[in-house]
Structures are given as C-alpha cells and as structure tokens.
Amino acid sequence: MAENKKGVPWYLWPFWLIYQITLGILKITGRLLGAVLGLVILALGVLLCATVIGAILGVPLVILGVMLMVRSLF
C-alpha cells in the first residue's frame, strides 16, 4: 500500500521553513539559551531595519527572533 502523505502547500512553505529552523535551533540550544538567542536576533533585526537596505535582512530576522522567543516560552 502506498502512503498518502500530504505536504506543505507552496504558499505556506516559507512559514513552515522558518518554523522548522526555529525547532532545530531549540533542539540544539535548549529553551533558555533559545530565548536569549531569539532576543539577540530580534535586536539585530531591529537595528538592521533602521536602514532601508538593511530592512531586507532585518524583517526576516525580527520574525525569526520573535518565533524563537515564543517557541521557547511555550
């Protein structure tokens, strides 16, 4: 019998990828260090958003930092 695996829809793939990266970081570092790392990544993203060119990298870093902190707490 063939398994009926359902994949992630293409339009949700970027969010799924960020979530998987977050889970991978938390598996490696642990919850407390993951929360601190999320705070550092969040601060770095906010600093990069101060410039127009840096906003291209800053916004995804802010999202990753927030997701790390939220996932570490819950």
PDB file of N, CA and C in Angstrom:
ATOM      1  N   MET A   1       0.828  -1.184   0.000  1.00  0.00           N
ATOM      2  CA  MET A   1       0.000   0.000   0.000  1.00  0.00           C
ATOM      3  C   MET A   1       0.874   1.251   0.000  1.00  0.00           C
ATOM      4  N   ALA A   2       0.455   2.199  -0.728  1.00  0.00           N
ATOM      5  CA  ALA A   2       1.183   3.467  -0.784  1.00  0.00           C
ATOM      6  C   ALA A   2       0.630   4.407   0.284  1.00  0.00           C
ATOM      7  N   GLU A   3       1.542   5.119   0.932  1.00  0.00           N
ATOM      8  CA  GLU A   3       1.113   6.081   1.943  1.00  0.00           C
ATOM      9  C   GLU A   3       0.641   7.357   1.265  1.00  0.00           C
ATOM     10  N   ASN A   4      -0.381   7.946   1.832  1.00  0.00           N
ATOM     11  CA  ASN A   4      -0.909   9.196   1.307  1.00  0.00           C
ATOM     12  C   ASN A   4      -0.359  10.333   2.154  1.00  0.00           C
ATOM     13  N   LYS A   5       0.848  10.796   1.831  1.00  0.00           N
ATOM     14  CA  LYS A   5       1.464  11.891   2.571  1.00  0.00           C
ATOM     15  C   LYS A   5       1.014  13.212   1.987  1.00  0.00           C
ATOM     16  N   LYS A   6       0.618  14.094   2.859  1.00  0.00           N
ATOM     17  CA  LYS A   6       0.242  15.431   2.415  1.00  0.00           C
ATOM     18  C   LYS A   6       1.376  16.369   2.779  1.00  0.00           C
ATOM     19  N   GLY A   7       1.880  17.065   1.793  1.00  0.00           N
ATOM     20  CA  GLY A   7       2.961  18.003   2.011  1.00  0.00           C
ATOM     21  C   GLY A   7       2.438  19.382   2.391  1.00  0.00           C
ATOM     22  N   VAL A   8       3.357  20.280   2.532  1.00  0.00           N
ATOM     23  CA  VAL A   8       3.017  21.655   2.853  1.00  0.00           C
ATOM     24  C   VAL A   8       2.677  22.372   1.551  1.00  0.00           C
ATOM     25  N   PRO A   9       1.561  23.114   1.524  1.00  0.00           N
ATOM     26  CA  PRO A   9       1.250  23.868   0.299  1.00  0.00           C
ATOM     27  C   PRO A   9       2.357  24.876  -0.013  1.00  0.00           C
ATOM     28  N   TRP A  10       2.543  25.162  -1.284  1.00  0.00           N
ATOM     29  CA  TRP A  10       3.660  26.010  -1.699  1.00  0.00           C
ATOM     30  C   TRP A  10       3.588  27.408  -1.103  1.00  0.00           C
ATOM     31  N   TYR A  11       2.386  27.919  -0.867  1.00  0.00           N
ATOM     32  CA  TYR A  11       2.257  29.283  -0.349  1.00  0.00           C
ATOM     33  C   TYR A  11       2.533  29.365   1.153  1.00  0.00           C
ATOM     34  N   LEU A  12       2.529  28.245   1.853  1.00  0.00           N
ATOM     35  CA  LEU A  12       2.869  28.223   3.276  1.00  0.00           C
ATOM     36  C   LEU A  12       4.297  27.769   3.521  1.00  0.00           C
ATOM     37  N   TRP A  13       5.032  27.426   2.475  1.00  0.00           N
ATOM     38  CA  TRP A  13       6.372  26.877   2.621  1.00  0.00           C
ATOM     39  C   TRP A  13       7.347  27.806   3.344  1.00  0.00           C
ATOM     40  N   PRO A  14       7.372  29.117   3.078  1.00  0.00           N
ATOM     41  CA  PRO A  14       8.315  29.975   3.821  1.00  0.00           C
ATOM     42  C   PRO A  14       8.058  29.972   5.324  1.00  0.00           C
ATOM     43  N   PHE A  15       6.781  29.972   5.735  1.00  0.00           N
ATOM     44  CA  PHE A  15       6.465  29.949   7.157  1.00  0.00           C
ATOM     45  C   PHE A  15       6.816  28.608   7.777  1.00  0.00           C
ATOM     46  N   TRP A  16       6.601  27.532   7.044  1.00  0.00           N
ATOM     47  CA  TRP A  16       6.959  26.202   7.519  1.00  0.00           C
ATOM     48  C   TRP A  16       8.475  26.097   7.694  1.00  0.00           C
ATOM     49  N   LEU A  17       9.223  26.668   6.746  1.00  0.00           N
ATOM     50  CA  LEU A  17      10.675  26.631   6.821  1.00  0.00           C
ATOM     51  C   LEU A  17      11.191  27.391   8.033  1.00  0.00           C
ATOM     52  N   ILE A  18      10.648  28.573   8.295  1.00  0.00           N
ATOM     53  CA  ILE A  18      11.069  29.344   9.472  1.00  0.00           C
ATOM     54  C   ILE A  18      10.739  28.587  10.742  1.00  0.00           C
ATOM     55  N   TYR A  19       9.578  27.939  10.784  1.00  0.00           N
ATOM     56  CA  TYR A  19       9.191  27.156  11.956  1.00  0.00           C
ATOM     57  C   TYR A  19      10.139  25.980  12.161  1.00  0.00           C
ATOM     58  N   GLN A  20      10.534  25.303  11.089  1.00  0.00           N
ATOM     59  CA  GLN A  20      11.460  24.180  11.203  1.00  0.00           C
ATOM     60  C   GLN A  20      12.845  24.642  11.658  1.00  0.00           C
ATOM     61  N   ILE A  21      13.292  25.802  11.176  1.00  0.00           N
ATOM     62  CA  ILE A  21      14.568  26.356  11.626  1.00  0.00           C
ATOM     63  C   ILE A  21      14.500  26.675  13.111  1.00  0.00           C
ATOM     64  N   THR A  22      13.376  27.247  13.546  1.00  0.00           N
ATOM     65  CA  THR A  22      13.189  27.555  14.962  1.00  0.00           C
ATOM     66  C   THR A  22      13.250  26.295  15.808  1.00  0.00           C
ATOM     67  N   LEU A  23      12.574  25.256  15.385  1.00  0.00           N
ATOM     68  CA  LEU A  23      12.599  23.998  16.137  1.00  0.00           C
ATOM     69  C   LEU A  23      14.005  23.404  16.174  1.00  0.00           C
ATOM     70  N   GLY A  24      14.721  23.481  15.061  1.00  0.00           N
ATOM     71  CA  GLY A  24      16.082  22.965  15.026  1.00  0.00           C
ATOM     72  C   GLY A  24      17.008  23.702  15.970  1.00  0.00           C
ATOM     73  N   ILE A  25      16.894  25.023  16.017  1.00  0.00           N
ATOM     74  CA  ILE A  25      17.729  25.810  16.931  1.00  0.00           C
ATOM     75  C   ILE A  25      17.407  25.467  18.376  1.00  0.00           C
ATOM     76  N   LEU A  26      16.132  25.305  18.688  1.00  0.00           N
ATOM     77  CA  LEU A  26      15.754  24.976  20.061  1.00  0.00           C
ATOM     78  C   LEU A  26      16.194  23.574  20.460  1.00  0.00           C
ATOM     79  N   LYS A  27      16.202  22.636  19.529  1.00  0.00           N
ATOM     80  CA  LYS A  27      16.685  21.294  19.835  1.00  0.00           C
ATOM     81  C   LYS A  27      18.161  21.323  20.182  1.00  0.00           C
ATOM     82  N   ILE A  28      18.915  22.156  19.472  1.00  0.00           N
ATOM     83  CA  ILE A  28      20.360  22.224  19.690  1.00  0.00           C
ATOM     84  C   ILE A  28      20.694  23.005  20.961  1.00  0.00           C
ATOM     85  N   THR A  29      20.045  24.138  21.185  1.00  0.00           N
ATOM     86  CA  THR A  29      20.464  25.031  22.256  1.00  0.00           C
ATOM     87  C   THR A  29      19.701  24.868  23.559  1.00  0.00           C
ATOM     88  N   GLY A  30      18.482  24.455  23.522  1.00  0.00           N
ATOM     89  CA  GLY A  30      17.678  24.395  24.730  1.00  0.00           C
ATOM     90  C   GLY A  30      16.799  25.628  24.836  1.00  0.00           C
ATOM     91  N   ARG A  31      15.884  25.602  25.800  1.00  0.00           N
ATOM     92  CA  ARG A  31      14.876  26.660  25.880  1.00  0.00           C
ATOM     93  C   ARG A  31      15.419  27.997  26.349  1.00  0.00           C
ATOM     94  N   LEU A  32      16.188  28.009  27.417  1.00  0.00           N
ATOM     95  CA  LEU A  32      16.661  29.288  27.951  1.00  0.00           C
ATOM     96  C   LEU A  32      17.622  29.968  26.988  1.00  0.00           C
ATOM     97  N   LEU A  33      18.568  29.211  26.480  1.00  0.00           N
ATOM     98  CA  LEU A  33      19.508  29.777  25.518  1.00  0.00           C
ATOM     99  C   LEU A  33      18.797  30.150  24.227  1.00  0.00           C
ATOM    100  N   GLY A  34      17.762  29.405  23.857  1.00  0.00           N
ATOM    101  CA  GLY A  34      16.978  29.737  22.675  1.00  0.00           C
ATOM    102  C   GLY A  34      16.247  31.057  22.836  1.00  0.00           C
ATOM    103  N   ALA A  35      15.726  31.315  24.038  1.00  0.00           N
ATOM    104  CA  ALA A  35      15.045  32.591  24.293  1.00  0.00           C
ATOM    105  C   ALA A  35      16.028  33.749  24.237  1.00  0.00           C
ATOM    106  N   VAL A  36      17.204  33.569  24.811  1.00  0.00           N
ATOM    107  CA  VAL A  36      18.228  34.617  24.769  1.00  0.00           C
ATOM    108  C   VAL A  36      18.698  34.838  23.339  1.00  0.00           C
ATOM    109  N   LEU A  37      18.906  33.761  22.612  1.00  0.00           N
ATOM    110  CA  LEU A  37      19.312  33.865  21.215  1.00  0.00           C
ATOM    111  C   LEU A  37      18.227  34.551  20.384  1.00  0.00           C
ATOM    112  N   GLY A  38      16.960  34.254  20.671  1.00  0.00           N
ATOM    113  CA  GLY A  38      15.853  34.920  19.989  1.00  0.00           C
ATOM    114  C   GLY A  38      15.839  36.416  20.263  1.00  0.00           C
ATOM    115  N   LEU A  39      16.137  36.798  21.495  1.00  0.00           N
ATOM    116  CA  LEU A  39      16.194  38.221  21.843  1.00  0.00           C
ATOM    117  C   LEU A  39      17.327  38.923  21.115  1.00  0.00           C
ATOM    118  N   VAL A  40      18.470  38.268  21.014  1.00  0.00           N
ATOM    119  CA  VAL A  40      19.612  38.847  20.302  1.00  0.00           C
ATOM    120  C   VAL A  40      19.300  38.983  18.810  1.00  0.00           C
ATOM    121  N   ILE A  41      18.703  37.961  18.218  1.00  0.00           N
ATOM    122  CA  ILE A  41      18.352  38.012  16.799  1.00  0.00           C
ATOM    123  C   ILE A  41      17.297  39.090  16.556  1.00  0.00           C
ATOM    124  N   LEU A  42      16.355  39.228  17.481  1.00  0.00           N
ATOM    125  CA  LEU A  42      15.335  40.263  17.368  1.00  0.00           C
ATOM    126  C   LEU A  42      15.970  41.653  17.404  1.00  0.00           C
ATOM    127  N   ALA A  43      16.886  41.878  18.345  1.00  0.00           N
ATOM    128  CA  ALA A  43      17.556  43.180  18.447  1.00  0.00           C
ATOM    129  C   ALA A  43      18.378  43.470  17.195  1.00  0.00           C
ATOM    130  N   LEU A  44      19.065  42.456  16.678  1.00  0.00           N
ATOM    131  CA  LEU A  44      19.846  42.638  15.458  1.00  0.00           C
ATOM    132  C   LEU A  44      18.944  42.991  14.279  1.00  0.00           C
ATOM    133  N   GLY A  45      17.799  42.350  14.191  1.00  0.00           N
ATOM    134  CA  GLY A  45      16.849  42.649  13.123  1.00  0.00           C
ATOM    135  C   GLY A  45      16.297  44.059  13.217  1.00  0.00           C
ATOM    136  N   VAL A  46      16.014  44.512  14.437  1.00  0.00           N
ATOM    137  CA  VAL A  46      15.517  45.874  14.625  1.00  0.00           C
ATOM    138  C   VAL A  46      16.589  46.885  14.241  1.00  0.00           C
ATOM    139  N   LEU A  47      17.834  46.616  14.606  1.00  0.00           N
ATOM    140  CA  LEU A  47      18.923  47.522  14.228  1.00  0.00           C
ATOM    141  C   LEU A  47      19.106  47.574  12.715  1.00  0.00           C
ATOM    142  N   LEU A  48      18.984  46.438  12.065  1.00  0.00           N
ATOM    143  CA  LEU A  48      19.117  46.427  10.609  1.00  0.00           C
ATOM    144  C   LEU A  48      17.955  47.139   9.919  1.00  0.00           C
ATOM    145  N   CYS A  49      16.790  47.140  10.546  1.00  0.00           N
ATOM    146  CA  CYS A  49      15.635  47.811   9.949  1.00  0.00           C
ATOM    147  C   CYS A  49      15.777  49.330   9.968  1.00  0.00           C
ATOM    148  N   ALA A  50      16.764  49.843  10.680  1.00  0.00           N
ATOM    149  CA  ALA A  50      16.973  51.287  10.725  1.00  0.00           C
ATOM    150  C   ALA A  50      17.417  51.828   9.371  1.00  0.00           C
ATOM    151  N   THR A  51      18.029  50.989   8.555  1.00  0.00           N
ATOM    152  CA  THR A  51      18.424  51.408   7.217  1.00  0.00           C
ATOM    153  C   THR A  51      17.494  50.747   6.205  1.00  0.00           C
ATOM    154  N   VAL A  52      17.328  51.376   5.078  1.00  0.00           N
ATOM    155  CA  VAL A  52      16.416  50.854   4.064  1.00  0.00           C
ATOM    156  C   VAL A  52      16.963  49.558   3.474  1.00  0.00           C
ATOM    157  N   ILE A  53      18.248  49.524   3.187  1.00  0.00           N
ATOM    158  CA  ILE A  53      18.851  48.324   2.610  1.00  0.00           C
ATOM    159  C   ILE A  53      18.888  47.191   3.638  1.00  0.00           C
ATOM    160  N   GLY A  54      19.131  47.527   4.892  1.00  0.00           N
ATOM    161  CA  GLY A  54      19.177  46.516   5.943  1.00  0.00           C
ATOM    162  C   GLY A  54      17.823  45.921   6.259  1.00  0.00           C
ATOM    163  N   ALA A  55      16.746  46.603   5.877  1.00  0.00           N
ATOM    164  CA  ALA A  55      15.403  46.098   6.160  1.00  0.00           C
ATOM    165  C   ALA A  55      15.127  44.799   5.410  1.00  0.00           C
ATOM    166  N   ILE A  56      15.820  44.593   4.314  1.00  0.00           N
ATOM    167  CA  ILE A  56      15.641  43.356   3.557  1.00  0.00           C
ATOM    168  C   ILE A  56      16.044  42.155   4.413  1.00  0.00           C
ATOM    169  N   LEU A  57      17.088  42.294   5.201  1.00  0.00           N
ATOM    170  CA  LEU A  57      17.502  41.223   6.112  1.00  0.00           C
ATOM    171  C   LEU A  57      16.900  41.395   7.502  1.00  0.00           C
ATOM    172  N   GLY A  58      16.574  42.617   7.871  1.00  0.00           N
ATOM    173  CA  GLY A  58      16.092  42.893   9.218  1.00  0.00           C
ATOM    174  C   GLY A  58      14.725  42.307   9.508  1.00  0.00           C
ATOM    175  N   VAL A  59      13.814  42.417   8.570  1.00  0.00           N
ATOM    176  CA  VAL A  59      12.450  41.923   8.803  1.00  0.00           C
ATOM    177  C   VAL A  59      12.426  40.410   9.017  1.00  0.00           C
ATOM    178  N   PRO A  60      13.098  39.605   8.187  1.00  0.00           N
ATOM    179  CA  PRO A  60      13.108  38.167   8.481  1.00  0.00           C
ATOM    180  C   PRO A  60      13.805  37.824   9.801  1.00  0.00           C
ATOM    181  N   LEU A  61      14.825  38.598  10.171  1.00  0.00           N
ATOM    182  CA  LEU A  61      15.484  38.352  11.456  1.00  0.00           C
ATOM    183  C   LEU A  61      14.549  38.665  12.619  1.00  0.00           C
ATOM    184  N   VAL A  62      13.761  39.725  12.496  1.00  0.00           N
ATOM    185  CA  VAL A  62      12.788  40.046  13.543  1.00  0.00           C
ATOM    186  C   VAL A  62      11.771  38.916  13.678  1.00  0.00           C
ATOM    187  N   ILE A  63      11.285  38.420  12.550  1.00  0.00           N
ATOM    188  CA  ILE A  63      10.307  37.328  12.581  1.00  0.00           C
ATOM    189  C   ILE A  63      10.917  36.079  13.217  1.00  0.00           C
ATOM    190  N   LEU A  64      12.145  35.746  12.832  1.00  0.00           N
ATOM    191  CA  LEU A  64      12.808  34.571  13.403  1.00  0.00           C
ATOM    192  C   LEU A  64      13.044  34.748  14.899  1.00  0.00           C
ATOM    193  N   GLY A  65      13.458  35.936  15.316  1.00  0.00           N
ATOM    194  CA  GLY A  65      13.684  36.199  16.736  1.00  0.00           C
ATOM    195  C   GLY A  65      12.419  36.078  17.557  1.00  0.00           C
ATOM    196  N   VAL A  66      11.329  36.617  17.047  1.00  0.00           N
ATOM    197  CA  VAL A  66      10.048  36.522  17.764  1.00  0.00           C
ATOM    198  C   VAL A  66       9.597  35.070  17.843  1.00  0.00           C
ATOM    199  N   MET A  67       9.733  34.348  16.743  1.00  0.00           N
ATOM    200  CA  MET A  67       9.316  32.937  16.755  1.00  0.00           C
ATOM    201  C   MET A  67      10.160  32.117  17.723  1.00  0.00           C
ATOM    202  N   LEU A  68      11.453  32.392  17.795  1.00  0.00           N
ATOM    203  CA  LEU A  68      12.307  31.680  18.744  1.00  0.00           C
ATOM    204  C   LEU A  68      11.886  31.966  20.180  1.00  0.00           C
ATOM    205  N   MET A  69      11.611  33.223  20.479  1.00  0.00           N
ATOM    206  CA  MET A  69      11.226  33.573  21.837  1.00  0.00           C
ATOM    207  C   MET A  69       9.881  32.963  22.211  1.00  0.00           C
ATOM    208  N   VAL A  70       8.915  33.022  21.313  1.00  0.00           N
ATOM    209  CA  VAL A  70       7.594  32.466  21.592  1.00  0.00           C
ATOM    210  C   VAL A  70       7.684  30.948  21.760  1.00  0.00           C
ATOM    211  N   ARG A  71       8.426  30.303  20.864  1.00  0.00           N
ATOM    212  CA  ARG A  71       8.556  28.839  20.933  1.00  0.00           C
ATOM    213  C   ARG A  71       9.323  28.416  22.196  1.00  0.00           C
ATOM    214  N   SER A  72      10.248  29.228  22.654  1.00  0.00           N
ATOM    215  CA  SER A  72      10.986  28.910  23.876  1.00  0.00           C
ATOM    216  C   SER A  72      10.104  29.002  25.115  1.00  0.00           C
ATOM    217  N   LEU A  73       9.169  29.922  25.098  1.00  0.00           N
ATOM    218  CA  LEU A  73       8.311  30.111  26.263  1.00  0.00           C
ATOM    219  C   LEU A  73       7.182  29.091  26.350  1.00  0.00           C
ATOM    220  N   PHE A  74       6.680  28.643  25.209  1.00  0.00           N
ATOM    221  CA  PHE A  74       5.522  27.752  25.234  1.00  0.00           C
ATOM    222  C   PHE A  74       5.874  26.384  24.748  1.00  0.00           C
TER     223      PHE A  74
END
